[in-house]
Amino acid sequence: MTQRSAKKLILSIICLVIIFPTLAQDFNVKSKADERTELLGVVFRLAGAREYINNNVQPYANEIDQYFIDFKKHPVVKFAKKIRISNGVSYNAVMSMAINLRIENGLLKFQNNITENSIEKRWGGKEEKFLELLNDFYQKSEFHQFYIEHQSLYNASAENFDTILRKVDFKWFKKYYGYLPEGNFNLFVSLTNWGNYGCQVYFKDGKTDIYAIMGAWAVDSSGVPVYNDYVINTIIHEFNHSFCNHLVDEYYDQMSINNKKFYELNEDKLRKQAYGNAKTMMYEILVRASVIKYYQSHINEGFITEQLIKETIAQEKAKGFIWIQQLIDKLSEYEEGNYNTLKEFMPEIVSLMNSLDPSMVNNEYKKSCPQIISSSIQNGDKNVDPEITELILNFDQPMNINKSRISYGLKGKDFYPKILSTDWNEETKKQFIITFELESNKEYSLSFPAAYFFNENSEFTLINSYFLDFKTKK
């Protein structure tokens, strides 16, 4: 072999070493269940944490309740209840703890060589005590045996999820953010969750493992969780957190004043989604705007269409992220400019935030949203004729007549009428017509979710969901 050939061979080997981890991250992400996330999910279910009371996979939920019935008063459950109230340990803080643990020889331990900030700060230094109690629960409840007994269910769930996961373009993350962390992408399906979380494990050597932890919302006839293409939004969303949150942390002080004003204007909506402070809102809006950028770069691939993008942006505004369109436009400048990473562009996002007038943006948003101006049955009417077969809602502007959805009202499904049909006045596009059957002397309750009623160009939804309660006369 010549010296030149030897150099080429060495260079080729080096390239393979460099490229292979990236290819693995791009193309080899597979979903799986994880004993740690199920364990923490069970503990917080027993503690009454509503975000971990997932009854969508009903047989599994019943088996959890039956198997662990004697452990509802275990010290770790009491501890979980207490720290949830005192420190706000809930939602992602629980799953973040799970992935920072490892199981070795039947014991739970913290991952080796993790940094101090790898443990979510809401644990407030109480993680060692929690781990001690968790180990006692793990051993005495024989949790591992429970987990093994349900392995076939976990495997089937992961296989179903993988059919969707294979459609995700993982190469986009490096292209968009300008880098990939020196660590691994991981995706866990969790049957104890109905929410979804993006979490990270930070190691002292600079590596970061990132996780998307996905809940379960629907099952097939055999009780196994199933997923559709729209979960791609959630996958991108949860992985985005691992790229976006630390950027917000780094630059937040420079934009906190205006950000807090935006939060206060929509605080009720945001708190209902468990976004309890302004910084969390900033995490979310950057993550959600970046999901839209993923959509825009994959237009007409599978379920992604221009119409879907417009509707998604409108729905994000309705959730309280009222300046997301301005942020999306700014991120287009990032994509078209000479920036190596999103971090380099963050000063421009700070500048955008500080240039906006929150009150003006909010007022313009409210003026643009469609509203229901009248209903043929008045909310609260207790003397409705049971012979009435039609309900008409009148809107103040033309609507997208291809989109609408009625749901259970404030009183639940037992008060939902028998709906025969729904239709729009195609000429005016301002009247939504529901035909139904009513019974005498009965209460009814319906809702018209804001997220499913768009104006004609689909840029805005109803400003608020509309709730209608009434009672028929004898």
Protein backbone atom coordinates (compact mmCIF):
# COMPACT_ATOMS: atom_id res chain seq x y z
CA MET A 1 0.00 0.00 0.00
CA THR A 2 1.37 3.41 -0.96
CA GLN A 3 1.70 6.22 1.56
CA ARG A 4 -0.99 8.15 -0.30
CA SER A 5 -3.37 5.17 -0.19
CA ALA A 6 -2.72 4.71 3.50
CA LYS A 7 -3.58 8.34 4.17
CA LYS A 8 -6.83 8.00 2.20
CA LEU A 9 -7.75 4.87 4.16
CA ILE A 10 -7.10 6.57 7.49
CA LEU A 11 -9.12 9.60 6.39
CA SER A 12 -12.00 7.33 5.36
CA ILE A 13 -11.97 5.59 8.73
CA ILE A 14 -11.99 8.95 10.53
CA CYS A 15 -14.94 10.10 8.45
CA LEU A 16 -16.87 6.94 9.27
CA VAL A 17 -16.20 7.40 12.97
CA ILE A 18 -17.44 10.97 12.79
CA ILE A 19 -20.43 10.31 10.58
CA PHE A 20 -21.74 7.08 12.11
CA PRO A 21 -23.06 8.53 15.40
CA THR A 22 -24.90 11.22 13.45
CA LEU A 23 -26.45 8.64 11.16
CA ALA A 24 -27.49 6.62 14.18
CA GLN A 25 -29.21 9.67 15.62
CA ASP A 26 -30.79 10.52 12.30
CA PHE A 27 -32.10 7.11 11.34
CA ASN A 28 -32.07 4.70 14.25
CA VAL A 29 -34.44 6.23 16.79
CA LYS A 30 -36.81 3.51 17.96
CA SER A 31 -39.54 3.70 20.53
CA LYS A 32 -39.70 1.51 23.60
CA ALA A 33 -41.28 1.37 27.02
CA ASP A 34 -39.07 1.99 30.03
CA GLU A 35 -39.33 0.59 33.53
CA ARG A 36 -38.27 3.87 35.15
CA THR A 37 -40.96 6.00 33.52
CA GLU A 38 -43.66 3.44 34.31
CA LEU A 39 -42.46 3.23 37.91
CA LEU A 40 -42.59 6.99 38.46
CA GLY A 41 -45.90 7.15 36.63
CA VAL A 42 -47.40 4.54 38.96
CA VAL A 43 -46.13 6.31 42.09
CA PHE A 44 -47.61 9.63 41.03
CA ARG A 45 -50.85 7.94 39.95
CA LEU A 46 -51.16 6.52 43.45
CA ALA A 47 -50.40 10.02 44.76
CA GLY A 48 -53.42 11.36 42.86
CA ALA A 49 -51.48 13.49 40.35
CA ARG A 50 -54.07 14.03 37.63
CA GLU A 51 -51.49 14.16 34.84
CA TYR A 52 -50.53 10.58 35.71
CA ILE A 53 -54.05 9.23 36.05
CA ASN A 54 -54.34 7.88 32.53
CA ASN A 55 -57.33 5.59 32.11
CA ASN A 56 -57.17 5.54 28.31
CA VAL A 57 -55.53 2.10 28.43
CA GLN A 58 -58.29 0.84 30.71
CA PRO A 59 -57.24 -2.78 31.41
CA TYR A 60 -53.69 -1.64 32.22
CA ALA A 61 -54.97 1.13 34.49
CA ASN A 62 -57.20 -1.34 36.32
CA GLU A 63 -54.31 -3.74 36.79
CA ILE A 64 -52.15 -0.96 38.24
CA ASP A 65 -54.85 -0.08 40.76
CA GLN A 66 -55.38 -3.71 41.72
CA TYR A 67 -51.70 -4.72 41.90
CA PHE A 68 -50.64 -1.73 44.01
CA ILE A 69 -53.79 -1.41 46.13
CA ASP A 70 -51.86 -2.09 49.34
CA PHE A 71 -49.25 0.60 48.57
CA LYS A 72 -51.44 3.70 48.34
CA LYS A 73 -50.14 4.83 51.72
CA HIS A 74 -46.53 3.88 51.13
CA PRO A 75 -44.07 6.60 52.28
CA VAL A 76 -42.98 7.38 48.71
CA VAL A 77 -46.60 8.03 47.72
CA LYS A 78 -47.05 10.36 50.69
CA PHE A 79 -43.77 12.04 49.79
CA ALA A 80 -44.90 12.50 46.17
CA LYS A 81 -48.15 14.10 47.33
CA LYS A 82 -46.30 16.48 49.61
CA ILE A 83 -43.56 17.56 47.20
CA ARG A 84 -46.11 18.04 44.43
CA ILE A 85 -47.85 20.64 46.58
CA SER A 86 -44.79 22.22 48.21
CA ASN A 87 -42.39 22.25 45.24
CA GLY A 88 -44.59 21.84 42.19
CA VAL A 89 -43.03 18.47 41.33
CA SER A 90 -45.43 17.40 38.60
CA TYR A 91 -45.67 16.91 34.83
CA ASN A 92 -42.16 16.94 33.27
CA ALA A 93 -40.35 17.13 36.64
CA VAL A 94 -41.50 13.56 37.33
CA MET A 95 -40.35 12.13 34.00
CA SER A 96 -37.11 14.11 34.22
CA MET A 97 -36.36 12.33 37.48
CA ALA A 98 -37.14 8.96 35.89
CA ILE A 99 -34.58 9.32 33.10
CA ASN A 100 -31.91 10.55 35.50
CA LEU A 101 -32.12 7.21 37.31
CA ARG A 102 -30.76 3.78 36.41
CA ILE A 103 -31.66 0.33 37.69
CA GLU A 104 -28.74 -1.84 38.72
CA ASN A 105 -28.96 -5.15 40.58
CA GLY A 106 -32.51 -4.44 41.69
CA LEU A 107 -31.72 -0.96 42.99
CA LEU A 108 -32.46 2.48 41.60
CA LYS A 109 -29.48 4.81 41.50
CA PHE A 110 -28.72 8.14 39.89
CA GLN A 111 -27.06 7.99 36.50
CA ASN A 112 -23.29 8.11 36.64
CA ASN A 113 -21.50 11.43 36.09
CA ILE A 114 -24.56 13.64 35.67
CA THR A 115 -24.31 17.37 36.30
CA GLU A 116 -26.11 19.15 39.12
CA ASN A 117 -28.54 20.81 36.73
CA SER A 118 -29.54 17.45 35.25
CA ILE A 119 -31.96 16.99 38.16
CA GLU A 120 -34.98 19.26 37.66
CA LYS A 121 -34.69 22.18 40.11
CA ARG A 122 -38.22 21.69 41.46
CA TRP A 123 -36.96 18.70 43.42
CA GLY A 124 -35.20 21.26 45.60
CA GLY A 125 -32.52 18.98 47.03
CA LYS A 126 -35.04 16.35 48.13
CA GLU A 127 -34.19 13.87 45.39
CA GLU A 128 -31.98 11.71 47.64
CA LYS A 129 -34.81 11.20 50.13
CA PHE A 130 -37.21 10.45 47.30
CA LEU A 131 -34.81 7.88 45.86
CA GLU A 132 -34.51 6.13 49.23
CA LEU A 133 -38.29 5.82 49.54
CA LEU A 134 -38.66 4.88 45.87
CA ASN A 135 -36.27 1.95 46.29
CA ASP A 136 -38.30 0.70 49.23
CA PHE A 137 -41.47 0.87 47.13
CA TYR A 138 -39.76 -0.75 44.15
CA GLN A 139 -38.63 -3.75 46.17
CA LYS A 140 -41.58 -4.28 48.49
CA SER A 141 -44.18 -3.91 45.75
CA GLU A 142 -42.18 -6.20 43.45
CA PHE A 143 -42.59 -3.60 40.74
CA HIS A 144 -40.15 -5.34 38.42
CA GLN A 145 -42.41 -8.40 38.36
CA PHE A 146 -45.37 -6.20 37.40
CA TYR A 147 -43.31 -4.64 34.63
CA ILE A 148 -42.18 -8.01 33.26
CA GLU A 149 -45.75 -9.32 33.26
CA HIS A 150 -46.78 -6.47 30.95
CA GLN A 151 -43.82 -6.64 28.60
CA SER A 152 -45.90 -7.89 25.69
CA LEU A 153 -48.23 -4.88 26.03
CA TYR A 154 -45.27 -2.50 26.14
CA ASN A 155 -43.69 -4.13 23.10
CA ALA A 156 -46.91 -3.99 21.09
CA SER A 157 -47.34 -0.31 21.98
CA ALA A 158 -43.80 0.48 20.86
CA GLU A 159 -44.27 -1.43 17.60
CA ASN A 160 -47.39 0.61 16.86
CA PHE A 161 -45.55 3.82 17.61
CA ASP A 162 -42.62 2.87 15.39
CA THR A 163 -44.89 2.86 12.34
CA ILE A 164 -45.24 6.62 12.88
CA LEU A 165 -41.72 7.25 14.11
CA ARG A 166 -40.25 5.97 10.86
CA LYS A 167 -41.91 8.91 9.08
CA VAL A 168 -40.06 11.54 11.14
CA ASP A 169 -37.18 13.33 9.41
CA PHE A 170 -34.57 13.33 12.16
CA LYS A 171 -32.04 14.96 9.84
CA TRP A 172 -34.09 18.15 10.19
CA PHE A 173 -32.90 18.75 13.76
CA LYS A 174 -29.28 19.25 12.74
CA LYS A 175 -30.22 21.22 9.65
CA TYR A 176 -32.48 23.56 11.63
CA TYR A 177 -30.65 23.97 14.93
CA GLY A 178 -27.18 23.73 13.42
CA TYR A 179 -25.93 20.91 15.63
CA LEU A 180 -26.79 17.65 17.34
CA PRO A 181 -25.93 17.06 21.00
CA GLU A 182 -23.14 14.64 21.81
CA GLY A 183 -25.55 12.07 23.11
CA ASN A 184 -28.54 10.04 22.02
CA PHE A 185 -32.11 10.59 20.90
CA ASN A 186 -34.52 8.42 22.90
CA LEU A 187 -38.26 7.95 22.65
CA PHE A 188 -40.27 6.19 25.35
CA VAL A 189 -43.93 5.25 25.14
CA SER A 190 -45.50 5.53 28.57
CA LEU A 191 -48.85 3.96 29.34
CA THR A 192 -49.16 5.81 32.66
CA ASN A 193 -49.02 9.21 30.93
CA TRP A 194 -51.67 11.07 29.02
CA GLY A 195 -49.27 14.00 28.57
CA ASN A 196 -46.00 14.20 26.65
CA TYR A 197 -42.65 15.47 27.84
CA GLY A 198 -39.27 16.50 26.50
CA CYS A 199 -36.47 15.84 28.99
CA GLN A 200 -32.68 15.69 29.07
CA VAL A 201 -29.86 14.04 30.98
CA TYR A 202 -26.73 16.19 31.20
CA PHE A 203 -23.37 14.50 31.73
CA LYS A 204 -20.16 16.00 33.08
CA ASP A 205 -18.27 15.11 29.90
CA GLY A 206 -20.53 17.47 27.94
CA LYS A 207 -22.80 14.83 26.46
CA THR A 208 -26.57 15.24 26.56
CA ASP A 209 -29.11 12.47 26.10
CA ILE A 210 -32.47 13.82 24.96
CA TYR A 211 -35.82 12.13 25.46
CA ALA A 212 -39.33 12.41 24.13
CA ILE A 213 -41.72 10.64 26.49
CA MET A 214 -45.06 10.01 24.84
CA GLY A 215 -48.37 9.26 26.48
CA ALA A 216 -51.18 6.98 25.32
CA TRP A 217 -54.55 8.35 24.20
CA ALA A 218 -56.36 5.69 22.16
CA VAL A 219 -56.38 1.89 21.95
CA ASP A 220 -57.34 -0.73 19.40
CA SER A 221 -59.88 -3.52 19.93
CA SER A 222 -57.32 -5.54 21.90
CA GLY A 223 -56.50 -2.67 24.26
CA VAL A 224 -53.10 -1.79 22.77
CA PRO A 225 -52.29 1.93 22.30
CA VAL A 226 -52.46 3.15 18.71
CA TYR A 227 -51.18 6.35 17.12
CA ASN A 228 -51.77 8.31 13.93
CA ASP A 229 -49.64 10.61 11.77
CA TYR A 230 -50.64 13.69 13.73
CA VAL A 231 -48.48 12.51 16.62
CA ILE A 232 -45.50 13.61 14.51
CA ASN A 233 -46.30 17.12 15.73
CA THR A 234 -45.86 15.92 19.30
CA ILE A 235 -42.64 14.02 18.56
CA ILE A 236 -41.03 17.10 17.00
CA HIS A 237 -42.43 19.25 19.82
CA GLU A 238 -40.97 17.16 22.62
CA PHE A 239 -37.54 16.79 21.02
CA ASN A 240 -37.54 20.55 20.31
CA HIS A 241 -37.62 21.22 24.04
CA SER A 242 -34.13 19.78 24.36
CA PHE A 243 -32.84 22.32 21.84
CA CYS A 244 -34.95 25.35 22.79
CA ASN A 245 -35.25 25.44 26.58
CA HIS A 246 -31.59 26.10 27.32
CA LEU A 247 -31.56 28.94 24.76
CA VAL A 248 -34.50 30.56 26.53
CA ASP A 249 -32.73 30.10 29.87
CA GLU A 250 -29.61 31.82 28.52
CA TYR A 251 -31.39 34.83 27.04
CA TYR A 252 -34.49 35.12 29.19
CA ASP A 253 -33.35 38.01 31.39
CA GLN A 254 -32.96 40.17 28.29
CA MET A 255 -36.63 39.78 27.33
CA SER A 256 -38.37 38.92 30.59
CA ILE A 257 -40.29 42.20 31.03
CA ASN A 258 -42.23 41.99 27.77
CA ASN A 259 -42.56 38.23 28.06
CA LYS A 260 -44.24 38.61 31.44
CA LYS A 261 -46.69 41.11 29.93
CA PHE A 262 -47.64 38.62 27.21
CA TYR A 263 -48.09 35.93 29.85
CA GLU A 264 -50.32 38.09 32.05
CA LEU A 265 -52.61 38.88 29.10
CA ASN A 266 -53.36 35.17 28.57
CA GLU A 267 -52.55 33.74 31.99
CA ASP A 268 -55.85 31.91 32.46
CA LYS A 269 -55.52 30.02 29.17
CA LEU A 270 -51.87 29.18 29.79
CA ARG A 271 -52.37 27.99 33.36
CA LYS A 272 -55.09 25.61 32.20
CA GLN A 273 -52.41 24.00 30.02
CA ALA A 274 -50.05 23.74 33.05
CA TYR A 275 -47.84 26.64 31.91
CA GLY A 276 -47.53 28.31 35.27
CA ASN A 277 -45.07 31.11 34.53
CA ALA A 278 -43.80 33.40 31.79
CA LYS A 279 -40.57 31.52 31.15
CA THR A 280 -42.45 28.28 30.55
CA MET A 281 -44.60 30.14 28.02
CA MET A 282 -41.41 31.27 26.26
CA TYR A 283 -40.14 27.67 26.12
CA GLU A 284 -43.42 26.65 24.56
CA ILE A 285 -43.75 29.37 21.95
CA LEU A 286 -40.21 28.80 20.62
CA VAL A 287 -40.84 25.04 20.54
CA ARG A 288 -44.20 25.45 18.81
CA ALA A 289 -42.92 27.95 16.25
CA SER A 290 -40.12 25.51 15.45
CA VAL A 291 -42.67 22.73 14.89
CA ILE A 292 -44.26 25.00 12.29
CA LYS A 293 -40.83 25.42 10.67
CA TYR A 294 -40.60 21.62 10.46
CA TYR A 295 -44.01 21.56 8.79
CA GLN A 296 -43.04 24.29 6.34
CA SER A 297 -39.91 22.40 5.32
CA HIS A 298 -41.95 19.22 4.72
CA ILE A 299 -44.95 20.70 2.94
CA ASN A 300 -47.12 18.20 1.04
CA GLU A 301 -45.37 15.25 2.67
CA GLY A 302 -47.96 12.91 4.13
CA PHE A 303 -50.52 14.82 6.18
CA ILE A 304 -48.69 18.18 6.09
CA THR A 305 -50.48 20.76 3.92
CA GLU A 306 -50.63 24.54 3.69
CA GLN A 307 -54.11 24.36 5.20
CA LEU A 308 -52.87 22.32 8.16
CA ILE A 309 -50.12 24.87 8.80
CA LYS A 310 -52.60 27.76 8.79
CA GLU A 311 -54.94 25.93 11.14
CA THR A 312 -52.11 24.93 13.48
CA ILE A 313 -50.91 28.53 13.76
CA ALA A 314 -54.47 29.69 14.45
CA GLN A 315 -54.87 27.03 17.15
CA GLU A 316 -51.60 28.05 18.80
CA LYS A 317 -52.82 31.65 18.98
CA ALA A 318 -56.04 30.41 20.56
CA LYS A 319 -54.01 28.62 23.23
CA GLY A 320 -52.46 31.94 24.30
CA PHE A 321 -49.37 32.13 22.08
CA ILE A 322 -50.66 35.23 20.35
CA TRP A 323 -47.35 36.43 18.85
CA ILE A 324 -46.39 33.10 17.32
CA GLN A 325 -46.86 34.36 13.74
CA GLN A 326 -44.32 37.14 14.31
CA LEU A 327 -41.90 34.58 15.75
CA ILE A 328 -42.40 32.21 12.81
CA ASP A 329 -41.67 35.07 10.40
CA LYS A 330 -38.52 35.93 12.34
CA LEU A 331 -37.38 32.30 12.24
CA SER A 332 -37.73 32.41 8.46
CA GLU A 333 -35.06 35.14 8.53
CA TYR A 334 -32.89 32.74 10.52
CA GLU A 335 -33.31 29.98 7.97
CA GLU A 336 -32.55 32.30 5.07
CA GLY A 337 -29.63 34.08 6.75
CA ASN A 338 -26.00 33.22 7.33
CA TYR A 339 -26.39 31.76 10.80
CA ASN A 340 -24.72 28.52 11.85
CA THR A 341 -26.98 27.78 14.80
CA LEU A 342 -30.21 29.01 16.33
CA LYS A 343 -28.17 30.18 19.31
CA GLU A 344 -26.41 32.71 17.07
CA PHE A 345 -29.83 34.04 16.10
CA MET A 346 -31.24 34.35 19.62
CA PRO A 347 -30.34 38.07 19.95
CA GLU A 348 -32.68 38.70 17.00
CA ILE A 349 -35.48 36.85 18.80
CA VAL A 350 -34.78 38.93 21.91
CA SER A 351 -34.96 42.07 19.76
CA LEU A 352 -38.28 40.95 18.28
CA MET A 353 -39.78 40.24 21.69
CA ASN A 354 -38.71 43.63 23.05
CA SER A 355 -40.04 45.47 19.98
CA LEU A 356 -43.59 44.15 20.34
CA ASP A 357 -46.34 45.94 22.23
CA PRO A 358 -48.13 43.09 24.08
CA SER A 359 -51.38 45.03 24.57
CA MET A 360 -51.53 46.04 20.92
CA VAL A 361 -50.81 42.50 19.72
CA ASN A 362 -53.49 41.17 22.07
CA ASN A 363 -56.08 43.74 20.99
CA GLU A 364 -55.43 43.09 17.30
CA TYR A 365 -55.75 39.37 17.93
CA LYS A 366 -59.10 39.76 19.71
CA LYS A 367 -60.48 42.01 16.96
CA SER A 368 -59.60 39.40 14.33
CA CYS A 369 -61.15 36.39 16.06
CA PRO A 370 -64.67 35.31 15.07
CA GLN A 371 -67.36 35.37 17.73
CA ILE A 372 -70.76 33.78 18.24
CA ILE A 373 -73.14 36.73 18.40
CA SER A 374 -76.38 34.84 19.03
CA SER A 375 -77.91 31.43 19.54
CA SER A 376 -81.46 30.30 18.79
CA ILE A 377 -81.45 28.71 22.26
CA GLN A 378 -80.19 30.99 25.00
CA ASN A 379 -77.58 29.71 27.43
CA GLY A 380 -79.26 28.97 30.75
CA ASP A 381 -82.79 28.78 29.31
CA LYS A 382 -84.83 26.42 31.50
CA ASN A 383 -88.01 26.45 29.42
CA VAL A 384 -86.98 25.17 25.99
CA ASP A 385 -89.66 23.52 23.86
CA PRO A 386 -88.70 19.80 23.51
CA GLU A 387 -90.29 19.80 20.05
CA ILE A 388 -87.51 22.07 18.76
CA THR A 389 -85.31 20.11 16.36
CA GLU A 390 -82.82 22.77 15.36
CA LEU A 391 -80.18 24.93 17.01
CA ILE A 392 -78.67 27.82 15.04
CA LEU A 393 -75.50 29.67 16.04
CA ASN A 394 -74.82 33.01 14.35
CA PHE A 395 -71.24 34.20 13.82
CA ASP A 396 -70.03 37.75 13.23
CA GLN A 397 -67.97 36.87 10.14
CA PRO A 398 -67.81 34.18 7.44
CA MET A 399 -66.39 30.89 8.70
CA ASN A 400 -64.51 27.92 7.30
CA ILE A 401 -67.51 25.68 6.69
CA ASN A 402 -65.34 22.58 6.30
CA LYS A 403 -64.26 22.67 9.93
CA SER A 404 -66.38 22.36 13.06
CA ARG A 405 -66.80 20.09 16.02
CA ILE A 406 -69.32 19.83 18.83
CA SER A 407 -68.40 18.20 22.11
CA TYR A 408 -69.76 17.40 25.55
CA GLY A 409 -70.60 20.45 27.62
CA LEU A 410 -69.66 21.44 31.14
CA LYS A 411 -71.99 18.82 32.64
CA GLY A 412 -70.50 15.87 30.77
CA LYS A 413 -71.62 13.24 28.30
CA ASP A 414 -74.81 12.27 30.16
CA PHE A 415 -76.25 15.68 29.23
CA TYR A 416 -75.30 15.59 25.56
CA PRO A 417 -78.30 15.54 23.16
CA LYS A 418 -78.78 13.08 20.32
CA ILE A 419 -77.20 14.92 17.39
CA LEU A 420 -78.68 14.05 13.99
CA SER A 421 -76.65 16.35 11.75
CA THR A 422 -74.58 19.53 11.54
CA ASP A 423 -74.39 21.90 8.62
CA TRP A 424 -73.50 25.45 7.59
CA ASN A 425 -75.41 28.05 5.66
CA GLU A 426 -73.24 27.84 2.54
CA GLU A 427 -74.38 31.23 1.25
CA THR A 428 -73.50 33.40 4.24
CA LYS A 429 -71.10 31.00 6.00
CA LYS A 430 -72.23 32.64 9.22
CA GLN A 431 -74.88 30.20 10.48
CA PHE A 432 -74.00 26.85 12.02
CA ILE A 433 -77.05 24.58 12.12
CA ILE A 434 -77.41 21.56 14.42
CA THR A 435 -80.38 19.21 14.20
CA PHE A 436 -81.11 17.04 17.21
CA GLU A 437 -83.73 15.18 19.21
CA LEU A 438 -84.72 16.50 22.63
CA GLU A 439 -86.72 14.98 25.46
CA SER A 440 -89.06 16.85 27.78
CA ASN A 441 -87.97 17.94 31.26
CA LYS A 442 -84.30 17.20 30.66
CA GLU A 443 -81.06 19.17 31.03
CA TYR A 444 -78.64 19.44 28.11
CA SER A 445 -75.05 20.59 27.86
CA LEU A 446 -72.91 21.16 24.75
CA SER A 447 -69.66 22.88 23.90
CA PHE A 448 -68.23 24.36 20.73
CA PRO A 449 -64.42 24.18 21.11
CA ALA A 450 -62.62 27.28 19.91
CA ALA A 451 -59.89 25.22 18.28
CA TYR A 452 -62.33 23.74 15.74
CA PHE A 453 -64.14 26.85 14.54
CA PHE A 454 -62.01 28.86 12.09
CA ASN A 455 -62.79 32.04 10.22
CA GLU A 456 -63.03 31.80 6.44
CA ASN A 457 -59.29 32.07 5.75
CA SER A 458 -58.44 29.80 8.73
CA GLU A 459 -56.11 32.37 10.30
CA PHE A 460 -58.11 32.75 13.52
CA THR A 461 -60.35 30.57 15.66
CA LEU A 462 -63.18 31.46 17.99
CA ILE A 463 -61.70 33.65 20.68
CA ASN A 464 -63.09 31.33 23.37
CA SER A 465 -64.90 28.02 23.42
CA TYR A 466 -68.67 28.45 23.65
CA PHE A 467 -70.67 26.50 26.24
CA LEU A 468 -74.43 26.04 26.02
CA ASP A 469 -76.56 24.65 28.85
CA PHE A 470 -80.34 24.52 28.76
CA LYS A 471 -83.34 22.56 30.04
CA THR A 472 -86.52 21.51 28.24
CA LYS A 473 -89.93 22.08 29.75
CA LYS A 474 -92.31 19.30 30.78
